[in-house]
Amino acid sequence: MQITLQELLKLNNPKIIDIRSKDEYIMGTIPTSINIPSIKLEVSPEKYINKHDTYYIFCNNGKRSKVLNEKLNIQGYRTVNIVGGYYNYLLRK
């Protein structure tokens, strides 16, 4: 599944996960997002998310998050890729 940034911003209190590195996250992120680097989320998703909630994930351009989104969905997690990632967020400013 995928969602555009415009659609995401219309949601009420979405759970947003920035899968970029901690350094990238510190330099700027989508407001209200939490940072869980992709490798941590891929290796041990059960430590960070549950299968009952929906999570919206992003990286810089949407490519890494798209791949991770597909892997997590196969495992039964409900994740949605944010199209265009953080770069898309920067463009709308």
PDB file of N, CA and C in Angstrom:
ATOM      1  N   MET A   1       0.826  -1.187   0.000  1.00  0.00           N
ATOM      2  CA  MET A   1       0.000   0.000   0.000  1.00  0.00           C
ATOM      3  C   MET A   1       0.869   1.249   0.000  1.00  0.00           C
ATOM      4  N   GLN A   2       0.325   2.296  -0.581  1.00  0.00           N
ATOM      5  CA  GLN A   2       1.023   3.572  -0.623  1.00  0.00           C
ATOM      6  C   GLN A   2       0.046   4.700  -0.329  1.00  0.00           C
ATOM      7  N   ILE A   3       0.590   5.823   0.120  1.00  0.00           N
ATOM      8  CA  ILE A   3      -0.213   7.005   0.392  1.00  0.00           C
ATOM      9  C   ILE A   3       0.607   8.222  -0.022  1.00  0.00           C
ATOM     10  N   THR A   4      -0.079   9.227  -0.528  1.00  0.00           N
ATOM     11  CA  THR A   4       0.637  10.462  -0.854  1.00  0.00           C
ATOM     12  C   THR A   4       0.767  11.300   0.416  1.00  0.00           C
ATOM     13  N   LEU A   5       1.681  12.225   0.393  1.00  0.00           N
ATOM     14  CA  LEU A   5       1.875  13.115   1.533  1.00  0.00           C
ATOM     15  C   LEU A   5       0.608  13.932   1.785  1.00  0.00           C
ATOM     16  N   GLN A   6      -0.049  14.361   0.726  1.00  0.00           N
ATOM     17  CA  GLN A   6      -1.271  15.144   0.866  1.00  0.00           C
ATOM     18  C   GLN A   6      -2.360  14.333   1.576  1.00  0.00           C
ATOM     19  N   GLU A   7      -2.476  13.060   1.228  1.00  0.00           N
ATOM     20  CA  GLU A   7      -3.471  12.198   1.886  1.00  0.00           C
ATOM     21  C   GLU A   7      -3.088  11.955   3.351  1.00  0.00           C
ATOM     22  N   LEU A   8      -1.797  11.744   3.594  1.00  0.00           N
ATOM     23  CA  LEU A   8      -1.316  11.505   4.950  1.00  0.00           C
ATOM     24  C   LEU A   8      -1.631  12.675   5.869  1.00  0.00           C
ATOM     25  N   LEU A   9      -1.424  13.881   5.382  1.00  0.00           N
ATOM     26  CA  LEU A   9      -1.626  15.072   6.204  1.00  0.00           C
ATOM     27  C   LEU A   9      -3.095  15.295   6.576  1.00  0.00           C
ATOM     28  N   LYS A  10      -3.999  14.625   5.886  1.00  0.00           N
ATOM     29  CA  LYS A  10      -5.426  14.726   6.192  1.00  0.00           C
ATOM     30  C   LYS A  10      -5.855  13.745   7.289  1.00  0.00           C
ATOM     31  N   LEU A  11      -4.992  12.776   7.618  1.00  0.00           N
ATOM     32  CA  LEU A  11      -5.338  11.764   8.612  1.00  0.00           C
ATOM     33  C   LEU A  11      -5.241  12.324  10.026  1.00  0.00           C
ATOM     34  N   ASN A  12      -6.023  11.753  10.908  1.00  0.00           N
ATOM     35  CA  ASN A  12      -6.021  12.165  12.308  1.00  0.00           C
ATOM     36  C   ASN A  12      -5.003  11.340  13.093  1.00  0.00           C
ATOM     37  N   ASN A  13      -3.903  11.974  13.492  1.00  0.00           N
ATOM     38  CA  ASN A  13      -2.880  11.365  14.339  1.00  0.00           C
ATOM     39  C   ASN A  13      -2.280  10.066  13.772  1.00  0.00           C
ATOM     40  N   PRO A  14      -1.775  10.077  12.540  1.00  0.00           N
ATOM     41  CA  PRO A  14      -1.181   8.861  11.977  1.00  0.00           C
ATOM     42  C   PRO A  14       0.132   8.504  12.671  1.00  0.00           C
ATOM     43  N   LYS A  15       0.444   7.225  12.720  1.00  0.00           N
ATOM     44  CA  LYS A  15       1.704   6.748  13.298  1.00  0.00           C
ATOM     45  C   LYS A  15       2.738   6.718  12.175  1.00  0.00           C
ATOM     46  N   ILE A  16       3.645   7.691  12.191  1.00  0.00           N
ATOM     47  CA  ILE A  16       4.611   7.870  11.107  1.00  0.00           C
ATOM     48  C   ILE A  16       5.991   7.431  11.574  1.00  0.00           C
ATOM     49  N   ILE A  17       6.641   6.597  10.755  1.00  0.00           N
ATOM     50  CA  ILE A  17       7.979   6.104  11.082  1.00  0.00           C
ATOM     51  C   ILE A  17       8.968   6.521  10.002  1.00  0.00           C
ATOM     52  N   ASP A  18      10.010   7.195  10.437  1.00  0.00           N
ATOM     53  CA  ASP A  18      11.121   7.601   9.581  1.00  0.00           C
ATOM     54  C   ASP A  18      12.160   6.491   9.671  1.00  0.00           C
ATOM     55  N   ILE A  19      12.383   5.757   8.566  1.00  0.00           N
ATOM     56  CA  ILE A  19      13.293   4.617   8.599  1.00  0.00           C
ATOM     57  C   ILE A  19      14.731   4.989   8.213  1.00  0.00           C
ATOM     58  N   ARG A  20      14.992   6.269   8.065  1.00  0.00           N
ATOM     59  CA  ARG A  20      16.344   6.708   7.719  1.00  0.00           C
ATOM     60  C   ARG A  20      17.261   6.594   8.938  1.00  0.00           C
ATOM     61  N   SER A  21      18.534   6.842   8.735  1.00  0.00           N
ATOM     62  CA  SER A  21      19.493   6.776   9.844  1.00  0.00           C
ATOM     63  C   SER A  21      19.198   7.865  10.870  1.00  0.00           C
ATOM     64  N   LYS A  22      19.728   7.686  12.056  1.00  0.00           N
ATOM     65  CA  LYS A  22      19.541   8.672  13.125  1.00  0.00           C
ATOM     66  C   LYS A  22      20.071  10.042  12.702  1.00  0.00           C
ATOM     67  N   ASP A  23      21.219  10.063  12.016  1.00  0.00           N
ATOM     68  CA  ASP A  23      21.799  11.327  11.546  1.00  0.00           C
ATOM     69  C   ASP A  23      20.877  12.035  10.557  1.00  0.00           C
ATOM     70  N   GLU A  24      20.284  11.294   9.637  1.00  0.00           N
ATOM     71  CA  GLU A  24      19.354  11.886   8.672  1.00  0.00           C
ATOM     72  C   GLU A  24      18.122  12.431   9.392  1.00  0.00           C
ATOM     73  N   TYR A  25      17.640  11.666  10.349  1.00  0.00           N
ATOM     74  CA  TYR A  25      16.459  12.060  11.122  1.00  0.00           C
ATOM     75  C   TYR A  25      16.710  13.370  11.869  1.00  0.00           C
ATOM     76  N   ILE A  26      17.867  13.476  12.493  1.00  0.00           N
ATOM     77  CA  ILE A  26      18.217  14.679  13.260  1.00  0.00           C
ATOM     78  C   ILE A  26      18.265  15.920  12.369  1.00  0.00           C
ATOM     79  N   MET A  27      18.659  15.736  11.113  1.00  0.00           N
ATOM     80  CA  MET A  27      18.778  16.872  10.188  1.00  0.00           C
ATOM     81  C   MET A  27      17.420  17.387   9.726  1.00  0.00           C
ATOM     82  N   GLY A  28      16.372  16.606   9.931  1.00  0.00           N
ATOM     83  CA  GLY A  28      15.025  17.023   9.550  1.00  0.00           C
ATOM     84  C   GLY A  28      14.153  15.825   9.258  1.00  0.00           C
ATOM     85  N   THR A  29      12.869  15.958   9.587  1.00  0.00           N
ATOM     86  CA  THR A  29      11.942  14.853   9.384  1.00  0.00           C
ATOM     87  C   THR A  29      10.527  15.396   9.224  1.00  0.00           C
ATOM     88  N   ILE A  30       9.596  14.526   8.914  1.00  0.00           N
ATOM     89  CA  ILE A  30       8.185  14.897   8.867  1.00  0.00           C
ATOM     90  C   ILE A  30       7.701  15.020  10.311  1.00  0.00           C
ATOM     91  N   PRO A  31       7.052  16.121  10.668  1.00  0.00           N
ATOM     92  CA  PRO A  31       6.602  16.314  12.051  1.00  0.00           C
ATOM     93  C   PRO A  31       5.802  15.125  12.583  1.00  0.00           C
ATOM     94  N   THR A  32       5.971  14.826  13.825  1.00  0.00           N
ATOM     95  CA  THR A  32       5.347  13.748  14.610  1.00  0.00           C
ATOM     96  C   THR A  32       5.901  12.362  14.298  1.00  0.00           C
ATOM     97  N   SER A  33       6.841  12.250  13.368  1.00  0.00           N
ATOM     98  CA  SER A  33       7.393  10.928  13.068  1.00  0.00           C
ATOM     99  C   SER A  33       8.389  10.510  14.136  1.00  0.00           C
ATOM    100  N   ILE A  34       8.526   9.200  14.289  1.00  0.00           N
ATOM    101  CA  ILE A  34       9.550   8.656  15.167  1.00  0.00           C
ATOM    102  C   ILE A  34      10.593   7.981  14.287  1.00  0.00           C
ATOM    103  N   ASN A  35      11.803   7.865  14.792  1.00  0.00           N
ATOM    104  CA  ASN A  35      12.892   7.282  14.015  1.00  0.00           C
ATOM    105  C   ASN A  35      13.142   5.841  14.442  1.00  0.00           C
ATOM    106  N   ILE A  36      12.938   4.930  13.497  1.00  0.00           N
ATOM    107  CA  ILE A  36      13.324   3.528  13.663  1.00  0.00           C
ATOM    108  C   ILE A  36      14.072   3.161  12.387  1.00  0.00           C
ATOM    109  N   PRO A  37      15.411   3.131  12.422  1.00  0.00           N
ATOM    110  CA  PRO A  37      16.181   2.823  11.214  1.00  0.00           C
ATOM    111  C   PRO A  37      15.727   1.512  10.559  1.00  0.00           C
ATOM    112  N   SER A  38      15.765   1.487   9.243  1.00  0.00           N
ATOM    113  CA  SER A  38      15.229   0.365   8.469  1.00  0.00           C
ATOM    114  C   SER A  38      15.783  -0.983   8.885  1.00  0.00           C
ATOM    115  N   ILE A  39      17.076  -1.065   9.171  1.00  0.00           N
ATOM    116  CA  ILE A  39      17.660  -2.355   9.535  1.00  0.00           C
ATOM    117  C   ILE A  39      17.041  -2.890  10.823  1.00  0.00           C
ATOM    118  N   LYS A  40      16.797  -2.026  11.788  1.00  0.00           N
ATOM    119  CA  LYS A  40      16.179  -2.459  13.048  1.00  0.00           C
ATOM    120  C   LYS A  40      14.753  -2.932  12.813  1.00  0.00           C
ATOM    121  N   LEU A  41      14.018  -2.196  12.015  1.00  0.00           N
ATOM    122  CA  LEU A  41      12.623  -2.545  11.738  1.00  0.00           C
ATOM    123  C   LEU A  41      12.523  -3.817  10.909  1.00  0.00           C
ATOM    124  N   GLU A  42      13.472  -4.020  10.013  1.00  0.00           N
ATOM    125  CA  GLU A  42      13.457  -5.217   9.174  1.00  0.00           C
ATOM    126  C   GLU A  42      13.814  -6.473   9.963  1.00  0.00           C
ATOM    127  N   VAL A  43      14.813  -6.371  10.832  1.00  0.00           N
ATOM    128  CA  VAL A  43      15.298  -7.532  11.584  1.00  0.00           C
ATOM    129  C   VAL A  43      14.361  -7.916  12.725  1.00  0.00           C
ATOM    130  N   SER A  44      13.831  -6.931  13.443  1.00  0.00           N
ATOM    131  CA  SER A  44      12.999  -7.214  14.619  1.00  0.00           C
ATOM    132  C   SER A  44      11.771  -6.317  14.675  1.00  0.00           C
ATOM    133  N   PRO A  45      10.864  -6.440  13.709  1.00  0.00           N
ATOM    134  CA  PRO A  45       9.708  -5.537  13.711  1.00  0.00           C
ATOM    135  C   PRO A  45       8.860  -5.649  14.971  1.00  0.00           C
ATOM    136  N   GLU A  46       8.796  -6.828  15.558  1.00  0.00           N
ATOM    137  CA  GLU A  46       7.967  -7.028  16.752  1.00  0.00           C
ATOM    138  C   GLU A  46       8.419  -6.186  17.941  1.00  0.00           C
ATOM    139  N   LYS A  47       9.641  -5.722  17.933  1.00  0.00           N
ATOM    140  CA  LYS A  47      10.136  -4.856  19.010  1.00  0.00           C
ATOM    141  C   LYS A  47       9.614  -3.425  18.893  1.00  0.00           C
ATOM    142  N   TYR A  48       9.159  -3.049  17.696  1.00  0.00           N
ATOM    143  CA  TYR A  48       8.826  -1.651  17.442  1.00  0.00           C
ATOM    144  C   TYR A  48       7.376  -1.404  17.032  1.00  0.00           C
ATOM    145  N   ILE A  49       6.764  -2.373  16.390  1.00  0.00           N
ATOM    146  CA  ILE A  49       5.397  -2.188  15.900  1.00  0.00           C
ATOM    147  C   ILE A  49       4.567  -3.434  16.210  1.00  0.00           C
ATOM    148  N   ASN A  50       3.257  -3.281  16.124  1.00  0.00           N
ATOM    149  CA  ASN A  50       2.385  -4.438  16.326  1.00  0.00           C
ATOM    150  C   ASN A  50       1.546  -4.664  15.070  1.00  0.00           C
ATOM    151  N   LYS A  51       0.848  -5.752  15.055  1.00  0.00           N
ATOM    152  CA  LYS A  51       0.066  -6.116  13.867  1.00  0.00           C
ATOM    153  C   LYS A  51      -1.357  -5.569  13.897  1.00  0.00           C
ATOM    154  N   HIS A  52      -1.685  -4.791  14.924  1.00  0.00           N
ATOM    155  CA  HIS A  52      -3.041  -4.252  15.052  1.00  0.00           C
ATOM    156  C   HIS A  52      -3.167  -2.822  14.539  1.00  0.00           C
ATOM    157  N   ASP A  53      -2.070  -2.070  14.591  1.00  0.00           N
ATOM    158  CA  ASP A  53      -2.091  -0.669  14.179  1.00  0.00           C
ATOM    159  C   ASP A  53      -1.545  -0.509  12.765  1.00  0.00           C
ATOM    160  N   THR A  54      -1.856   0.622  12.156  1.00  0.00           N
ATOM    161  CA  THR A  54      -1.333   0.953  10.828  1.00  0.00           C
ATOM    162  C   THR A  54      -0.228   1.991  11.000  1.00  0.00           C
ATOM    163  N   TYR A  55       0.882   1.765  10.309  1.00  0.00           N
ATOM    164  CA  TYR A  55       2.043   2.639  10.384  1.00  0.00           C
ATOM    165  C   TYR A  55       2.374   3.163   8.990  1.00  0.00           C
ATOM    166  N   TYR A  56       2.765   4.413   8.923  1.00  0.00           N
ATOM    167  CA  TYR A  56       3.120   5.061   7.667  1.00  0.00           C
ATOM    168  C   TYR A  56       4.626   5.268   7.686  1.00  0.00           C
ATOM    169  N   ILE A  57       5.333   4.656   6.731  1.00  0.00           N
ATOM    170  CA  ILE A  57       6.790   4.688   6.756  1.00  0.00           C
ATOM    171  C   ILE A  57       7.353   5.452   5.568  1.00  0.00           C
ATOM    172  N   PHE A  58       8.525   6.060   5.805  1.00  0.00           N
ATOM    173  CA  PHE A  58       9.185   6.782   4.726  1.00  0.00           C
ATOM    174  C   PHE A  58      10.696   6.773   4.903  1.00  0.00           C
ATOM    175  N   CYS A  59      11.384   6.988   3.782  1.00  0.00           N
ATOM    176  CA  CYS A  59      12.835   7.163   3.743  1.00  0.00           C
ATOM    177  C   CYS A  59      13.073   8.476   3.001  1.00  0.00           C
ATOM    178  N   ASN A  60      14.212   8.626   2.363  1.00  0.00           N
ATOM    179  CA  ASN A  60      14.477   9.878   1.634  1.00  0.00           C
ATOM    180  C   ASN A  60      13.572  10.055   0.418  1.00  0.00           C
ATOM    181  N   ASN A  61      13.509   9.022  -0.431  1.00  0.00           N
ATOM    182  CA  ASN A  61      12.771   9.175  -1.681  1.00  0.00           C
ATOM    183  C   ASN A  61      11.644   8.166  -1.884  1.00  0.00           C
ATOM    184  N   GLY A  62      11.437   7.293  -0.927  1.00  0.00           N
ATOM    185  CA  GLY A  62      10.340   6.329  -1.012  1.00  0.00           C
ATOM    186  C   GLY A  62      10.730   4.964  -1.527  1.00  0.00           C
ATOM    187  N   LYS A  63      11.961   4.783  -1.955  1.00  0.00           N
ATOM    188  CA  LYS A  63      12.369   3.481  -2.508  1.00  0.00           C
ATOM    189  C   LYS A  63      12.635   2.451  -1.419  1.00  0.00           C
ATOM    190  N   ARG A  64      13.462   2.788  -0.431  1.00  0.00           N
ATOM    191  CA  ARG A  64      13.748   1.846   0.659  1.00  0.00           C
ATOM    192  C   ARG A  64      12.488   1.537   1.455  1.00  0.00           C
ATOM    193  N   SER A  65      11.693   2.557   1.694  1.00  0.00           N
ATOM    194  CA  SER A  65      10.473   2.337   2.478  1.00  0.00           C
ATOM    195  C   SER A  65       9.469   1.477   1.710  1.00  0.00           C
ATOM    196  N   LYS A  66       9.458   1.581   0.407  1.00  0.00           N
ATOM    197  CA  LYS A  66       8.557   0.746  -0.401  1.00  0.00           C
ATOM    198  C   LYS A  66       8.927  -0.727  -0.261  1.00  0.00           C
ATOM    199  N   VAL A  67      10.226  -1.021  -0.335  1.00  0.00           N
ATOM    200  CA  VAL A  67      10.699  -2.402  -0.200  1.00  0.00           C
ATOM    201  C   VAL A  67      10.404  -2.931   1.198  1.00  0.00           C
ATOM    202  N   LEU A  68      10.711  -2.139   2.219  1.00  0.00           N
ATOM    203  CA  LEU A  68      10.463  -2.559   3.596  1.00  0.00           C
ATOM    204  C   LEU A  68       8.968  -2.713   3.849  1.00  0.00           C
ATOM    205  N   ASN A  69       8.175  -1.822   3.315  1.00  0.00           N
ATOM    206  CA  ASN A  69       6.722  -1.900   3.433  1.00  0.00           C
ATOM    207  C   ASN A  69       6.213  -3.250   2.926  1.00  0.00           C
ATOM    208  N   GLU A  70       6.696  -3.667   1.771  1.00  0.00           N
ATOM    209  CA  GLU A  70       6.265  -4.942   1.191  1.00  0.00           C
ATOM    210  C   GLU A  70       6.663  -6.112   2.086  1.00  0.00           C
ATOM    211  N   LYS A  71       7.882  -6.092   2.620  1.00  0.00           N
ATOM    212  CA  LYS A  71       8.350  -7.166   3.499  1.00  0.00           C
ATOM    213  C   LYS A  71       7.511  -7.240   4.770  1.00  0.00           C
ATOM    214  N   LEU A  72       7.229  -6.095   5.356  1.00  0.00           N
ATOM    215  CA  LEU A  72       6.448  -6.070   6.597  1.00  0.00           C
ATOM    216  C   LEU A  72       5.006  -6.516   6.370  1.00  0.00           C
ATOM    217  N   ASN A  73       4.427  -6.119   5.253  1.00  0.00           N
ATOM    218  CA  ASN A  73       3.054  -6.526   4.955  1.00  0.00           C
ATOM    219  C   ASN A  73       2.948  -8.037   4.758  1.00  0.00           C
ATOM    220  N   ILE A  74       3.956  -8.640   4.146  1.00  0.00           N
ATOM    221  CA  ILE A  74       3.978 -10.097   3.969  1.00  0.00           C
ATOM    222  C   ILE A  74       3.974 -10.798   5.326  1.00  0.00           C
ATOM    223  N   GLN A  75       4.610 -10.173   6.320  1.00  0.00           N
ATOM    224  CA  GLN A  75       4.686 -10.743   7.661  1.00  0.00           C
ATOM    225  C   GLN A  75       3.432 -10.461   8.492  1.00  0.00           C
ATOM    226  N   GLY A  76       2.481  -9.741   7.932  1.00  0.00           N
ATOM    227  CA  GLY A  76       1.230  -9.481   8.626  1.00  0.00           C
ATOM    228  C   GLY A  76       1.129  -8.124   9.302  1.00  0.00           C
ATOM    229  N   TYR A  77       2.145  -7.274   9.123  1.00  0.00           N
ATOM    230  CA  TYR A  77       2.092  -5.921   9.686  1.00  0.00           C
ATOM    231  C   TYR A  77       1.347  -5.014   8.725  1.00  0.00           C
ATOM    232  N   ARG A  78       0.732  -3.980   9.259  1.00  0.00           N
ATOM    233  CA  ARG A  78      -0.012  -3.031   8.431  1.00  0.00           C
ATOM    234  C   ARG A  78       0.814  -1.758   8.305  1.00  0.00           C
ATOM    235  N   THR A  79       1.578  -1.703   7.221  1.00  0.00           N
ATOM    236  CA  THR A  79       2.387  -0.520   6.948  1.00  0.00           C
ATOM    237  C   THR A  79       2.015   0.039   5.586  1.00  0.00           C
ATOM    238  N   VAL A  80       2.189   1.332   5.458  1.00  0.00           N
ATOM    239  CA  VAL A  80       1.859   2.042   4.218  1.00  0.00           C
ATOM    240  C   VAL A  80       3.053   2.912   3.858  1.00  0.00           C
ATOM    241  N   ASN A  81       3.506   2.819   2.636  1.00  0.00           N
ATOM    242  CA  ASN A  81       4.635   3.617   2.161  1.00  0.00           C
ATOM    243  C   ASN A  81       4.174   5.030   1.805  1.00  0.00           C
ATOM    244  N   ILE A  82       4.929   6.022   2.263  1.00  0.00           N
ATOM    245  CA  ILE A  82       4.636   7.412   1.912  1.00  0.00           C
ATOM    246  C   ILE A  82       5.382   7.726   0.612  1.00  0.00           C
ATOM    247  N   VAL A  83       4.645   7.933  -0.451  1.00  0.00           N
ATOM    248  CA  VAL A  83       5.210   8.159  -1.779  1.00  0.00           C
ATOM    249  C   VAL A  83       6.130   9.384  -1.788  1.00  0.00           C
ATOM    250  N   GLY A  84       7.330   9.209  -2.319  1.00  0.00           N
ATOM    251  CA  GLY A  84       8.267  10.320  -2.446  1.00  0.00           C
ATOM    252  C   GLY A  84       9.089  10.611  -1.220  1.00  0.00           C
ATOM    253  N   GLY A  85       8.724  10.026  -0.082  1.00  0.00           N
ATOM    254  CA  GLY A  85       9.493  10.156   1.141  1.00  0.00           C
ATOM    255  C   GLY A  85       9.731  11.579   1.611  1.00  0.00           C
ATOM    256  N   TYR A  86      10.848  11.748   2.305  1.00  0.00           N
ATOM    257  CA  TYR A  86      11.168  13.041   2.899  1.00  0.00           C
ATOM    258  C   TYR A  86      11.409  14.108   1.832  1.00  0.00           C
ATOM    259  N   TYR A  87      11.980  13.725   0.702  1.00  0.00           N
ATOM    260  CA  TYR A  87      12.218  14.702  -0.369  1.00  0.00           C
ATOM    261  C   TYR A  87      10.909  15.336  -0.821  1.00  0.00           C
ATOM    262  N   ASN A  88       9.864  14.537  -0.892  1.00  0.00           N
ATOM    263  CA  ASN A  88       8.557  15.059  -1.278  1.00  0.00           C
ATOM    264  C   ASN A  88       8.041  16.043  -0.231  1.00  0.00           C
ATOM    265  N   TYR A  89       8.289  15.745   1.030  1.00  0.00           N
ATOM    266  CA  TYR A  89       7.899  16.659   2.102  1.00  0.00           C
ATOM    267  C   TYR A  89       8.637  18.005   1.966  1.00  0.00           C
ATOM    268  N   LEU A  90       9.925  17.941   1.675  1.00  0.00           N
ATOM    269  CA  LEU A  90      10.704  19.171   1.510  1.00  0.00           C
ATOM    270  C   LEU A  90      10.210  20.021   0.337  1.00  0.00           C
ATOM    271  N   LEU A  91       9.764  19.374  -0.719  1.00  0.00           N
ATOM    272  CA  LEU A  91       9.286  20.085  -1.903  1.00  0.00           C
ATOM    273  C   LEU A  91       8.019  20.867  -1.646  1.00  0.00           C
ATOM    274  N   ARG A  92       7.220  20.440  -0.697  1.00  0.00           N
ATOM    275  CA  ARG A  92       5.945  21.108  -0.445  1.00  0.00           C
ATOM    276  C   ARG A  92       6.100  22.331   0.448  1.00  0.00           C
ATOM    277  N   LYS A  93       7.263  22.531   1.024  1.00  0.00           N
ATOM    278  CA  LYS A  93       7.479  23.678   1.913  1.00  0.00           C
ATOM    279  C   LYS A  93       7.569  24.965   1.141  1.00  0.00           C
TER     280      LYS A  93
END
